[in-house]
Amino acid sequence: MSASPAVAPDLTSTAWGLLAVVLQCCVLAAVSPILIGVMRQVRYRMEGRIGPGIWQPTRDLLKLARKEPLVAPGVRLQGVMPIAMTGTSLLLVALLPLMSTVTIPLVPDDLFVVVGVLLLGTVAIALLGLDSGTAFGGMGSSRHMTIAALVEPTVLVAVYALSIPVGSSALSAIVDARIAEPVSVVSPVSLLALVALIIVVVAETGRLPVDNPSTHLELTMVHEAMILEASGRDLGWVEFSSWLRLAGLLGLVANLALPWGVAQSMSIGGLAVAIVAIVVKVMLAGAGVAAVEVFLAKVRLFKVPELLAASFVMAFLAVTASYLVV
């Protein structure tokens, strides 16, 4: 008789957690092509051009979905890696506290798990570039893994700095603590960690000044070099996964900087507010990144480690400050 009351809350929590995760994945999947359209349109307008509109990336995905991919002889992973990349991007979005801090029991949203999922997606696209056997694919994969080796430690250290005052490396617990203590959002620890995170998110998602997503100049491209041989549905999966990854990481940074609007307890009204909040945050963050990119030029490849080293130093200073600043 005493066991049933203990089981019911667990089942309810699991059901609400599953609902939040599924809804979060659906919302981010629908928003990510629009986000890219907004970012492109902001750049077009600031550069004095008209642009095709914010719906063009969605139309491109639908067009690619109807096309058969062309696979060169000897290529084995081109049909697998794009789907694996999409799976890792969806898993990343499912783990991040974007709309709710209510988690599924036994499914950790721990910092180390999230960074591991990020690395899986990075390895998947690098294997896609290597599988083609072309010089540009190998060059892009080599550059991509070099950047990833500098990015992943910075993500760990920056978020670890935010987790020290909380006493937990779970991202949902960090967001809950920042909602409960708004002063922590503008603390030196928070500002240093957020600046470091913004730099590594720009590098991780291939934005300026680390990479230029609109270039096809062979000697400078990183992301585009790895997907030169992808076509049709495979190219659609690759583009969608990279857009979803960008939307998820921008949403994480936005929630760490402005945690309000995230549902802390499950209700229909809370979820509705959370949907509106995360869409607005992601769109504003994307528009801000695009506006800044207009005034930036791609740095030389040899300068990228210096930029990422600066972000790591800021993350390390955030960890130090978290122990020294009360």
C-alpha atoms as a PDB file:
ATOM      1  CA  MET A   1       0.000   0.000   0.000  1.00  0.00           C
ATOM      2  CA  SER A   2       2.854   2.399   0.696  1.00  0.00           C
ATOM      3  CA  ALA A   3       4.599   1.775  -2.638  1.00  0.00           C
ATOM      4  CA  SER A   4       1.971   3.310  -4.960  1.00  0.00           C
ATOM      5  CA  PRO A   5       2.286   6.935  -3.759  1.00  0.00           C
ATOM      6  CA  ALA A   6       6.044   6.804  -4.374  1.00  0.00           C
ATOM      7  CA  VAL A   7       5.650   5.421  -7.910  1.00  0.00           C
ATOM      8  CA  ALA A   8       3.061   7.961  -9.079  1.00  0.00           C
ATOM      9  CA  PRO A   9       5.272  11.046  -8.775  1.00  0.00           C
ATOM     10  CA  ASP A  10       8.085   9.264 -10.647  1.00  0.00           C
ATOM     11  CA  LEU A  11       5.744   8.331 -13.477  1.00  0.00           C
ATOM     12  CA  THR A  12       4.362  11.864 -13.600  1.00  0.00           C
ATOM     13  CA  SER A  13       7.835  13.380 -13.613  1.00  0.00           C
ATOM     14  CA  THR A  14       8.938  11.019 -16.370  1.00  0.00           C
ATOM     15  CA  ALA A  15       5.863  11.826 -18.472  1.00  0.00           C
ATOM     16  CA  TRP A  16       6.361  15.581 -18.087  1.00  0.00           C
ATOM     17  CA  GLY A  17      10.069  15.219 -18.821  1.00  0.00           C
ATOM     18  CA  LEU A  18       9.378  13.236 -21.987  1.00  0.00           C
ATOM     19  CA  LEU A  19       6.794  15.796 -23.095  1.00  0.00           C
ATOM     20  CA  ALA A  20       9.250  18.640 -22.528  1.00  0.00           C
ATOM     21  CA  VAL A  21      12.037  16.859 -24.440  1.00  0.00           C
ATOM     22  CA  VAL A  22       9.833  15.921 -27.413  1.00  0.00           C
ATOM     23  CA  LEU A  23       8.327  19.399 -27.582  1.00  0.00           C
ATOM     24  CA  GLN A  24      11.756  20.991 -27.286  1.00  0.00           C
ATOM     25  CA  CYS A  25      13.149  18.904 -30.147  1.00  0.00           C
ATOM     26  CA  CYS A  26      10.149  19.664 -32.367  1.00  0.00           C
ATOM     27  CA  VAL A  27      10.281  23.405 -31.689  1.00  0.00           C
ATOM     28  CA  LEU A  28      14.033  23.681 -32.305  1.00  0.00           C
ATOM     29  CA  ALA A  29      13.796  21.508 -35.436  1.00  0.00           C
ATOM     30  CA  ALA A  30      11.098  23.792 -36.836  1.00  0.00           C
ATOM     31  CA  VAL A  31      12.895  26.981 -35.798  1.00  0.00           C
ATOM     32  CA  SER A  32      16.440  26.158 -36.965  1.00  0.00           C
ATOM     33  CA  PRO A  33      15.866  26.722 -40.728  1.00  0.00           C
ATOM     34  CA  ILE A  34      14.017  29.945 -39.943  1.00  0.00           C
ATOM     35  CA  LEU A  35      16.918  31.005 -37.706  1.00  0.00           C
ATOM     36  CA  ILE A  36      19.336  30.614 -40.619  1.00  0.00           C
ATOM     37  CA  GLY A  37      16.939  32.588 -42.820  1.00  0.00           C
ATOM     38  CA  VAL A  38      16.783  35.389 -40.254  1.00  0.00           C
ATOM     39  CA  MET A  39      20.575  35.476 -39.908  1.00  0.00           C
ATOM     40  CA  ARG A  40      21.070  35.634 -43.659  1.00  0.00           C
ATOM     41  CA  GLN A  41      18.397  38.264 -44.078  1.00  0.00           C
ATOM     42  CA  VAL A  42      19.966  40.453 -41.375  1.00  0.00           C
ATOM     43  CA  ARG A  43      23.269  40.320 -43.223  1.00  0.00           C
ATOM     44  CA  TYR A  44      21.620  41.064 -46.566  1.00  0.00           C
ATOM     45  CA  ARG A  45      19.807  44.103 -45.200  1.00  0.00           C
ATOM     46  CA  MET A  46      22.882  45.479 -43.446  1.00  0.00           C
ATOM     47  CA  GLU A  47      24.886  45.038 -46.644  1.00  0.00           C
ATOM     48  CA  GLY A  48      22.255  46.858 -48.721  1.00  0.00           C
ATOM     49  CA  ARG A  49      20.862  43.765 -50.447  1.00  0.00           C
ATOM     50  CA  ILE A  50      17.292  42.464 -50.564  1.00  0.00           C
ATOM     51  CA  GLY A  51      17.799  38.747 -50.032  1.00  0.00           C
ATOM     52  CA  PRO A  52      15.464  35.806 -50.787  1.00  0.00           C
ATOM     53  CA  GLY A  53      13.579  35.969 -47.470  1.00  0.00           C
ATOM     54  CA  ILE A  54      13.688  34.055 -44.207  1.00  0.00           C
ATOM     55  CA  TRP A  55      11.912  30.999 -45.672  1.00  0.00           C
ATOM     56  CA  GLN A  56      14.593  30.211 -48.271  1.00  0.00           C
ATOM     57  CA  PRO A  57      16.510  27.693 -46.072  1.00  0.00           C
ATOM     58  CA  THR A  58      13.248  25.808 -45.458  1.00  0.00           C
ATOM     59  CA  ARG A  59      12.581  25.708 -49.195  1.00  0.00           C
ATOM     60  CA  ASP A  60      16.150  24.499 -49.782  1.00  0.00           C
ATOM     61  CA  LEU A  61      15.665  21.622 -47.324  1.00  0.00           C
ATOM     62  CA  LEU A  62      12.412  20.580 -48.978  1.00  0.00           C
ATOM     63  CA  LYS A  63      14.094  20.694 -52.393  1.00  0.00           C
ATOM     64  CA  LEU A  64      17.043  18.592 -51.218  1.00  0.00           C
ATOM     65  CA  ALA A  65      14.692  16.064 -49.598  1.00  0.00           C
ATOM     66  CA  ARG A  66      13.264  15.257 -53.048  1.00  0.00           C
ATOM     67  CA  LYS A  67      16.656  14.641 -54.667  1.00  0.00           C
ATOM     68  CA  GLU A  68      18.561  11.371 -54.763  1.00  0.00           C
ATOM     69  CA  PRO A  69      22.137  11.635 -53.448  1.00  0.00           C
ATOM     70  CA  LEU A  70      25.015  10.901 -55.800  1.00  0.00           C
ATOM     71  CA  VAL A  71      27.613   8.625 -54.220  1.00  0.00           C
ATOM     72  CA  ALA A  72      31.070   8.144 -55.717  1.00  0.00           C
ATOM     73  CA  PRO A  73      32.487   4.605 -55.999  1.00  0.00           C
ATOM     74  CA  GLY A  74      34.283   3.493 -52.855  1.00  0.00           C
ATOM     75  CA  VAL A  75      32.438   5.902 -50.552  1.00  0.00           C
ATOM     76  CA  ARG A  76      30.888   3.951 -47.661  1.00  0.00           C
ATOM     77  CA  LEU A  77      29.852   6.427 -44.979  1.00  0.00           C
ATOM     78  CA  GLN A  78      28.086   9.126 -46.995  1.00  0.00           C
ATOM     79  CA  GLY A  79      24.657   7.599 -46.402  1.00  0.00           C
ATOM     80  CA  VAL A  80      25.279   6.944 -42.675  1.00  0.00           C
ATOM     81  CA  MET A  81      27.156   9.953 -41.331  1.00  0.00           C
ATOM     82  CA  PRO A  82      24.539  12.616 -42.270  1.00  0.00           C
ATOM     83  CA  ILE A  83      21.864  10.709 -40.347  1.00  0.00           C
ATOM     84  CA  ALA A  84      24.284  10.162 -37.449  1.00  0.00           C
ATOM     85  CA  MET A  85      24.987  13.902 -37.395  1.00  0.00           C
ATOM     86  CA  THR A  86      21.271  14.660 -37.245  1.00  0.00           C
ATOM     87  CA  GLY A  87      20.847  12.141 -34.436  1.00  0.00           C
ATOM     88  CA  THR A  88      23.612  13.743 -32.364  1.00  0.00           C
ATOM     89  CA  SER A  89      22.138  17.209 -32.950  1.00  0.00           C
ATOM     90  CA  LEU A  90      18.697  16.039 -31.802  1.00  0.00           C
ATOM     91  CA  LEU A  91      20.258  14.353 -28.759  1.00  0.00           C
ATOM     92  CA  LEU A  92      22.120  17.564 -27.951  1.00  0.00           C
ATOM     93  CA  VAL A  93      18.907  19.591 -28.126  1.00  0.00           C
ATOM     94  CA  ALA A  94      17.122  16.997 -25.974  1.00  0.00           C
ATOM     95  CA  LEU A  95      19.774  17.240 -23.237  1.00  0.00           C
ATOM     96  CA  LEU A  96      20.013  21.035 -23.058  1.00  0.00           C
ATOM     97  CA  PRO A  97      17.690  22.961 -20.683  1.00  0.00           C
ATOM     98  CA  LEU A  98      16.216  25.159 -23.402  1.00  0.00           C
ATOM     99  CA  MET A  99      12.517  25.183 -22.497  1.00  0.00           C
ATOM    100  CA  SER A 100      12.378  23.442 -19.132  1.00  0.00           C
ATOM    101  CA  THR A 101      14.647  22.428 -16.271  1.00  0.00           C
ATOM    102  CA  VAL A 102      12.471  19.366 -15.582  1.00  0.00           C
ATOM    103  CA  THR A 103      14.569  16.401 -16.684  1.00  0.00           C
ATOM    104  CA  ILE A 104      13.847  12.751 -17.349  1.00  0.00           C
ATOM    105  CA  PRO A 105      14.982  10.542 -14.455  1.00  0.00           C
ATOM    106  CA  LEU A 106      18.098   8.475 -15.241  1.00  0.00           C
ATOM    107  CA  VAL A 107      18.821  10.639 -18.338  1.00  0.00           C
ATOM    108  CA  PRO A 108      21.601  13.017 -17.249  1.00  0.00           C
ATOM    109  CA  ASP A 109      21.888  16.528 -18.635  1.00  0.00           C
ATOM    110  CA  ASP A 110      25.372  16.621 -17.157  1.00  0.00           C
ATOM    111  CA  LEU A 111      28.006  18.920 -18.627  1.00  0.00           C
ATOM    112  CA  PHE A 112      30.344  16.046 -19.499  1.00  0.00           C
ATOM    113  CA  VAL A 113      27.571  14.139 -21.292  1.00  0.00           C
ATOM    114  CA  VAL A 114      26.664  17.207 -23.363  1.00  0.00           C
ATOM    115  CA  VAL A 115      30.293  17.804 -24.352  1.00  0.00           C
ATOM    116  CA  GLY A 116      30.562  14.127 -25.308  1.00  0.00           C
ATOM    117  CA  VAL A 117      27.538  14.450 -27.585  1.00  0.00           C
ATOM    118  CA  LEU A 118      29.068  17.578 -29.132  1.00  0.00           C
ATOM    119  CA  LEU A 119      32.242  15.621 -29.844  1.00  0.00           C
ATOM    120  CA  LEU A 120      30.272  12.768 -31.465  1.00  0.00           C
ATOM    121  CA  GLY A 121      28.780  15.211 -33.972  1.00  0.00           C
ATOM    122  CA  THR A 122      32.205  16.701 -34.628  1.00  0.00           C
ATOM    123  CA  VAL A 123      33.714  13.272 -35.330  1.00  0.00           C
ATOM    124  CA  ALA A 124      30.781  12.324 -37.582  1.00  0.00           C
ATOM    125  CA  ILE A 125      31.214  15.290 -39.929  1.00  0.00           C
ATOM    126  CA  ALA A 126      35.005  14.817 -39.935  1.00  0.00           C
ATOM    127  CA  LEU A 127      34.538  11.189 -41.013  1.00  0.00           C
ATOM    128  CA  LEU A 128      32.175  12.382 -43.742  1.00  0.00           C
ATOM    129  CA  GLY A 129      34.886  14.673 -45.092  1.00  0.00           C
ATOM    130  CA  LEU A 130      37.548  11.956 -44.925  1.00  0.00           C
ATOM    131  CA  ASP A 131      35.333   9.307 -46.534  1.00  0.00           C
ATOM    132  CA  SER A 132      35.157  11.192 -49.826  1.00  0.00           C
ATOM    133  CA  GLY A 133      38.903  10.735 -50.328  1.00  0.00           C
ATOM    134  CA  THR A 134      39.368  14.218 -51.780  1.00  0.00           C
ATOM    135  CA  ALA A 135      42.122  16.639 -50.821  1.00  0.00           C
ATOM    136  CA  PHE A 136      39.654  19.318 -49.752  1.00  0.00           C
ATOM    137  CA  GLY A 137      37.641  16.897 -47.623  1.00  0.00           C
ATOM    138  CA  GLY A 138      40.722  15.750 -45.735  1.00  0.00           C
ATOM    139  CA  MET A 139      41.922  19.324 -45.330  1.00  0.00           C
ATOM    140  CA  GLY A 140      38.563  20.455 -43.935  1.00  0.00           C
ATOM    141  CA  SER A 141      38.373  17.483 -41.545  1.00  0.00           C
ATOM    142  CA  SER A 142      41.896  18.158 -40.273  1.00  0.00           C
ATOM    143  CA  ARG A 143      41.095  21.810 -39.640  1.00  0.00           C
ATOM    144  CA  HIS A 144      37.774  20.943 -38.045  1.00  0.00           C
ATOM    145  CA  MET A 145      39.310  18.490 -35.580  1.00  0.00           C
ATOM    146  CA  THR A 146      42.060  20.982 -34.720  1.00  0.00           C
ATOM    147  CA  ILE A 147      39.440  23.593 -33.853  1.00  0.00           C
ATOM    148  CA  ALA A 148      37.402  21.026 -31.918  1.00  0.00           C
ATOM    149  CA  ALA A 149      40.446  20.066 -29.824  1.00  0.00           C
ATOM    150  CA  LEU A 150      40.646  23.694 -28.691  1.00  0.00           C
ATOM    151  CA  VAL A 151      36.896  24.255 -28.339  1.00  0.00           C
ATOM    152  CA  GLU A 152      35.803  21.298 -26.194  1.00  0.00           C
ATOM    153  CA  PRO A 153      38.113  22.028 -23.197  1.00  0.00           C
ATOM    154  CA  THR A 154      36.923  25.646 -23.159  1.00  0.00           C
ATOM    155  CA  VAL A 155      33.281  24.559 -23.050  1.00  0.00           C
ATOM    156  CA  LEU A 156      34.054  22.247 -20.138  1.00  0.00           C
ATOM    157  CA  VAL A 157      35.970  24.872 -18.165  1.00  0.00           C
ATOM    158  CA  ALA A 158      33.512  27.721 -18.850  1.00  0.00           C
ATOM    159  CA  VAL A 159      30.424  25.797 -17.768  1.00  0.00           C
ATOM    160  CA  TYR A 160      32.366  24.273 -14.876  1.00  0.00           C
ATOM    161  CA  ALA A 161      32.964  27.814 -13.624  1.00  0.00           C
ATOM    162  CA  LEU A 162      29.191  28.368 -13.574  1.00  0.00           C
ATOM    163  CA  SER A 163      28.642  25.040 -11.822  1.00  0.00           C
ATOM    164  CA  ILE A 164      30.994  25.707  -8.880  1.00  0.00           C
ATOM    165  CA  PRO A 165      28.595  28.028  -6.977  1.00  0.00           C
ATOM    166  CA  VAL A 166      25.736  25.579  -7.667  1.00  0.00           C
ATOM    167  CA  GLY A 167      27.613  22.465  -6.604  1.00  0.00           C
ATOM    168  CA  SER A 168      26.363  20.469  -9.575  1.00  0.00           C
ATOM    169  CA  SER A 169      27.482  19.979 -13.184  1.00  0.00           C
ATOM    170  CA  ALA A 170      23.887  19.385 -14.364  1.00  0.00           C
ATOM    171  CA  LEU A 171      22.907  22.160 -16.786  1.00  0.00           C
ATOM    172  CA  SER A 172      19.312  22.219 -15.513  1.00  0.00           C
ATOM    173  CA  ALA A 173      20.548  22.824 -11.959  1.00  0.00           C
ATOM    174  CA  ILE A 174      22.767  25.672 -13.187  1.00  0.00           C
ATOM    175  CA  VAL A 175      19.849  27.364 -14.961  1.00  0.00           C
ATOM    176  CA  ASP A 176      17.603  26.884 -11.892  1.00  0.00           C
ATOM    177  CA  ALA A 177      20.231  28.499  -9.677  1.00  0.00           C
ATOM    178  CA  ARG A 178      20.612  31.469 -12.019  1.00  0.00           C
ATOM    179  CA  ILE A 179      16.844  32.016 -12.018  1.00  0.00           C
ATOM    180  CA  ALA A 180      16.787  31.885  -8.205  1.00  0.00           C
ATOM    181  CA  GLU A 181      19.726  34.318  -7.894  1.00  0.00           C
ATOM    182  CA  PRO A 182      19.514  36.958 -10.653  1.00  0.00           C
ATOM    183  CA  VAL A 183      22.599  38.738  -9.280  1.00  0.00           C
ATOM    184  CA  SER A 184      24.735  35.796 -10.406  1.00  0.00           C
ATOM    185  CA  VAL A 185      23.954  36.628 -14.049  1.00  0.00           C
ATOM    186  CA  VAL A 186      26.039  39.819 -13.905  1.00  0.00           C
ATOM    187  CA  SER A 187      28.801  38.524 -11.650  1.00  0.00           C
ATOM    188  CA  PRO A 188      32.437  38.547 -12.911  1.00  0.00           C
ATOM    189  CA  VAL A 189      32.394  34.744 -13.033  1.00  0.00           C
ATOM    190  CA  SER A 190      29.300  34.732 -15.213  1.00  0.00           C
ATOM    191  CA  LEU A 191      30.521  37.443 -17.582  1.00  0.00           C
ATOM    192  CA  LEU A 192      33.906  35.787 -18.152  1.00  0.00           C
ATOM    193  CA  ALA A 193      32.350  32.365 -18.692  1.00  0.00           C
ATOM    194  CA  LEU A 194      29.694  33.699 -21.086  1.00  0.00           C
ATOM    195  CA  VAL A 195      32.216  35.578 -23.227  1.00  0.00           C
ATOM    196  CA  ALA A 196      34.329  32.414 -23.455  1.00  0.00           C
ATOM    197  CA  LEU A 197      31.239  30.380 -24.372  1.00  0.00           C
ATOM    198  CA  ILE A 198      30.201  32.830 -27.087  1.00  0.00           C
ATOM    199  CA  ILE A 199      33.631  32.582 -28.720  1.00  0.00           C
ATOM    200  CA  VAL A 200      33.673  28.773 -28.683  1.00  0.00           C
ATOM    201  CA  VAL A 201      30.078  28.532 -29.952  1.00  0.00           C
ATOM    202  CA  VAL A 202      31.073  30.737 -32.902  1.00  0.00           C
ATOM    203  CA  ALA A 203      34.037  28.441 -33.562  1.00  0.00           C
ATOM    204  CA  GLU A 204      32.067  25.221 -33.034  1.00  0.00           C
ATOM    205  CA  THR A 205      29.333  26.228 -35.478  1.00  0.00           C
ATOM    206  CA  GLY A 206      31.679  27.589 -38.160  1.00  0.00           C
ATOM    207  CA  ARG A 207      30.756  31.267 -38.035  1.00  0.00           C
ATOM    208  CA  LEU A 208      32.914  34.332 -38.645  1.00  0.00           C
ATOM    209  CA  PRO A 209      35.682  35.108 -37.792  1.00  0.00           C
ATOM    210  CA  VAL A 210      36.705  31.426 -37.446  1.00  0.00           C
ATOM    211  CA  ASP A 211      34.986  30.163 -40.605  1.00  0.00           C
ATOM    212  CA  ASN A 212      32.865  31.749 -43.315  1.00  0.00           C
ATOM    213  CA  PRO A 213      29.677  29.708 -43.950  1.00  0.00           C
ATOM    214  CA  SER A 214      29.024  31.469 -47.261  1.00  0.00           C
ATOM    215  CA  THR A 215      32.430  30.936 -48.874  1.00  0.00           C
ATOM    216  CA  HIS A 216      33.489  28.295 -51.377  1.00  0.00           C
ATOM    217  CA  LEU A 217      37.104  29.391 -51.630  1.00  0.00           C
ATOM    218  CA  GLU A 218      38.959  26.114 -51.266  1.00  0.00           C
ATOM    219  CA  LEU A 219      41.948  27.379 -49.317  1.00  0.00           C
ATOM    220  CA  THR A 220      39.875  29.030 -46.545  1.00  0.00           C
ATOM    221  CA  MET A 221      36.754  26.909 -46.008  1.00  0.00           C
ATOM    222  CA  VAL A 222      36.437  24.416 -43.169  1.00  0.00           C
ATOM    223  CA  HIS A 223      32.834  23.240 -42.873  1.00  0.00           C
ATOM    224  CA  GLU A 224      32.086  23.532 -46.584  1.00  0.00           C
ATOM    225  CA  ALA A 225      35.197  21.516 -47.472  1.00  0.00           C
ATOM    226  CA  MET A 226      33.877  18.487 -45.572  1.00  0.00           C
ATOM    227  CA  ILE A 227      30.491  18.467 -47.317  1.00  0.00           C
ATOM    228  CA  LEU A 228      31.590  19.163 -50.899  1.00  0.00           C
ATOM    229  CA  GLU A 229      30.807  15.589 -51.952  1.00  0.00           C
ATOM    230  CA  ALA A 230      27.397  15.449 -50.206  1.00  0.00           C
ATOM    231  CA  SER A 231      24.313  15.939 -52.355  1.00  0.00           C
ATOM    232  CA  GLY A 232      20.568  15.413 -52.381  1.00  0.00           C
ATOM    233  CA  ARG A 233      19.007  14.124 -49.176  1.00  0.00           C
ATOM    234  CA  ASP A 234      22.434  13.553 -47.607  1.00  0.00           C
ATOM    235  CA  LEU A 235      23.292  17.229 -48.018  1.00  0.00           C
ATOM    236  CA  GLY A 236      19.898  18.132 -46.567  1.00  0.00           C
ATOM    237  CA  TRP A 237      20.579  16.047 -43.448  1.00  0.00           C
ATOM    238  CA  VAL A 238      24.020  17.621 -43.031  1.00  0.00           C
ATOM    239  CA  GLU A 239      22.706  21.179 -43.372  1.00  0.00           C
ATOM    240  CA  PHE A 240      19.762  20.528 -41.061  1.00  0.00           C
ATOM    241  CA  SER A 241      21.987  18.987 -38.385  1.00  0.00           C
ATOM    242  CA  SER A 242      24.423  21.924 -38.440  1.00  0.00           C
ATOM    243  CA  TRP A 243      21.534  24.422 -38.236  1.00  0.00           C
ATOM    244  CA  LEU A 244      19.943  22.506 -35.356  1.00  0.00           C
ATOM    245  CA  ARG A 245      23.289  22.397 -33.559  1.00  0.00           C
ATOM    246  CA  LEU A 246      23.634  26.183 -33.952  1.00  0.00           C
ATOM    247  CA  ALA A 247      20.098  26.787 -32.646  1.00  0.00           C
ATOM    248  CA  GLY A 248      20.678  24.548 -29.616  1.00  0.00           C
ATOM    249  CA  LEU A 249      23.994  26.154 -28.645  1.00  0.00           C
ATOM    250  CA  LEU A 250      22.633  29.676 -29.113  1.00  0.00           C
ATOM    251  CA  GLY A 251      19.661  28.712 -26.944  1.00  0.00           C
ATOM    252  CA  LEU A 252      21.988  27.411 -24.222  1.00  0.00           C
ATOM    253  CA  VAL A 253      24.054  30.622 -24.167  1.00  0.00           C
ATOM    254  CA  ALA A 254      20.863  32.719 -24.202  1.00  0.00           C
ATOM    255  CA  ASN A 255      19.409  30.780 -21.262  1.00  0.00           C
ATOM    256  CA  LEU A 256      22.620  31.104 -19.274  1.00  0.00           C
ATOM    257  CA  ALA A 257      22.698  34.856 -19.959  1.00  0.00           C
ATOM    258  CA  LEU A 258      18.927  35.445 -19.580  1.00  0.00           C
ATOM    259  CA  PRO A 259      17.448  32.406 -17.799  1.00  0.00           C
ATOM    260  CA  TRP A 260      13.969  33.853 -17.389  1.00  0.00           C
ATOM    261  CA  GLY A 261      11.149  32.209 -19.300  1.00  0.00           C
ATOM    262  CA  VAL A 262      12.433  28.674 -18.714  1.00  0.00           C
ATOM    263  CA  ALA A 263       9.756  26.463 -17.129  1.00  0.00           C
ATOM    264  CA  GLN A 264      10.822  25.171 -13.713  1.00  0.00           C
ATOM    265  CA  SER A 265       7.614  23.216 -13.096  1.00  0.00           C
ATOM    266  CA  MET A 266       5.546  21.524 -15.739  1.00  0.00           C
ATOM    267  CA  SER A 267       2.238  23.068 -16.809  1.00  0.00           C
ATOM    268  CA  ILE A 268       0.616  23.878 -20.130  1.00  0.00           C
ATOM    269  CA  GLY A 269       0.890  27.607 -19.496  1.00  0.00           C
ATOM    270  CA  GLY A 270       4.531  27.322 -18.457  1.00  0.00           C
ATOM    271  CA  LEU A 271       5.385  25.353 -21.593  1.00  0.00           C
ATOM    272  CA  ALA A 272       3.603  27.912 -23.799  1.00  0.00           C
ATOM    273  CA  VAL A 273       5.622  30.730 -22.237  1.00  0.00           C
ATOM    274  CA  ALA A 274       8.815  28.662 -22.557  1.00  0.00           C
ATOM    275  CA  ILE A 275       8.199  28.072 -26.289  1.00  0.00           C
ATOM    276  CA  VAL A 276       7.752  31.774 -26.953  1.00  0.00           C
ATOM    277  CA  ALA A 277      10.768  32.649 -24.777  1.00  0.00           C
ATOM    278  CA  ILE A 278      13.204  30.221 -26.421  1.00  0.00           C
ATOM    279  CA  VAL A 279      12.107  31.183 -29.948  1.00  0.00           C
ATOM    280  CA  VAL A 280      12.580  34.889 -29.195  1.00  0.00           C
ATOM    281  CA  LYS A 281      15.931  34.308 -27.481  1.00  0.00           C
ATOM    282  CA  VAL A 282      17.314  32.149 -30.293  1.00  0.00           C
ATOM    283  CA  MET A 283      16.162  34.570 -32.992  1.00  0.00           C
ATOM    284  CA  LEU A 284      17.612  37.594 -31.196  1.00  0.00           C
ATOM    285  CA  ALA A 285      20.885  35.768 -30.534  1.00  0.00           C
ATOM    286  CA  GLY A 286      21.123  34.685 -34.163  1.00  0.00           C
ATOM    287  CA  ALA A 287      20.335  38.189 -35.425  1.00  0.00           C
ATOM    288  CA  GLY A 288      23.003  39.585 -33.102  1.00  0.00           C
ATOM    289  CA  VAL A 289      25.612  37.120 -34.368  1.00  0.00           C
ATOM    290  CA  ALA A 290      24.733  37.940 -37.989  1.00  0.00           C
ATOM    291  CA  ALA A 291      24.915  41.692 -37.330  1.00  0.00           C
ATOM    292  CA  VAL A 292      28.370  41.376 -35.768  1.00  0.00           C
ATOM    293  CA  GLU A 293      29.575  39.175 -38.648  1.00  0.00           C
ATOM    294  CA  VAL A 294      28.981  42.029 -41.099  1.00  0.00           C
ATOM    295  CA  PHE A 295      31.848  43.929 -39.483  1.00  0.00           C
ATOM    296  CA  LEU A 296      34.195  40.939 -39.216  1.00  0.00           C
ATOM    297  CA  ALA A 297      36.537  39.271 -41.664  1.00  0.00           C
ATOM    298  CA  LYS A 298      37.703  35.685 -41.472  1.00  0.00           C
ATOM    299  CA  VAL A 299      40.981  35.459 -39.592  1.00  0.00           C
ATOM    300  CA  ARG A 300      43.884  33.432 -40.920  1.00  0.00           C
ATOM    301  CA  LEU A 301      43.871  29.804 -39.867  1.00  0.00           C
ATOM    302  CA  PHE A 302      47.057  30.277 -37.850  1.00  0.00           C
ATOM    303  CA  LYS A 303      45.334  33.001 -35.814  1.00  0.00           C
ATOM    304  CA  VAL A 304      42.396  30.782 -34.807  1.00  0.00           C
ATOM    305  CA  PRO A 305      44.321  28.979 -32.019  1.00  0.00           C
ATOM    306  CA  GLU A 306      45.213  32.372 -30.546  1.00  0.00           C
ATOM    307  CA  LEU A 307      41.535  33.384 -30.452  1.00  0.00           C
ATOM    308  CA  LEU A 308      40.488  30.093 -28.880  1.00  0.00           C
ATOM    309  CA  ALA A 309      43.394  30.248 -26.422  1.00  0.00           C
ATOM    310  CA  ALA A 310      42.091  33.656 -25.315  1.00  0.00           C
ATOM    311  CA  SER A 311      38.662  32.136 -24.726  1.00  0.00           C
ATOM    312  CA  PHE A 312      40.224  29.332 -22.671  1.00  0.00           C
ATOM    313  CA  VAL A 313      42.111  31.886 -20.564  1.00  0.00           C
ATOM    314  CA  MET A 314      38.826  33.707 -19.878  1.00  0.00           C
ATOM    315  CA  ALA A 315      37.169  30.432 -18.895  1.00  0.00           C
ATOM    316  CA  PHE A 316      40.085  29.606 -16.592  1.00  0.00           C
ATOM    317  CA  LEU A 317      39.862  33.085 -15.034  1.00  0.00           C
ATOM    318  CA  ALA A 318      36.157  32.442 -14.467  1.00  0.00           C
ATOM    319  CA  VAL A 319      37.003  29.260 -12.543  1.00  0.00           C
ATOM    320  CA  THR A 320      39.587  31.140 -10.487  1.00  0.00           C
ATOM    321  CA  ALA A 321      37.166  33.977  -9.783  1.00  0.00           C
ATOM    322  CA  SER A 322      34.486  31.527  -8.677  1.00  0.00           C
ATOM    323  CA  TYR A 323      36.728  30.499  -5.790  1.00  0.00           C
ATOM    324  CA  LEU A 324      37.945  33.994  -4.939  1.00  0.00           C
ATOM    325  CA  VAL A 325      34.887  36.206  -5.473  1.00  0.00           C
ATOM    326  CA  VAL A 326      32.158  35.778  -2.876  1.00  0.00           C
END
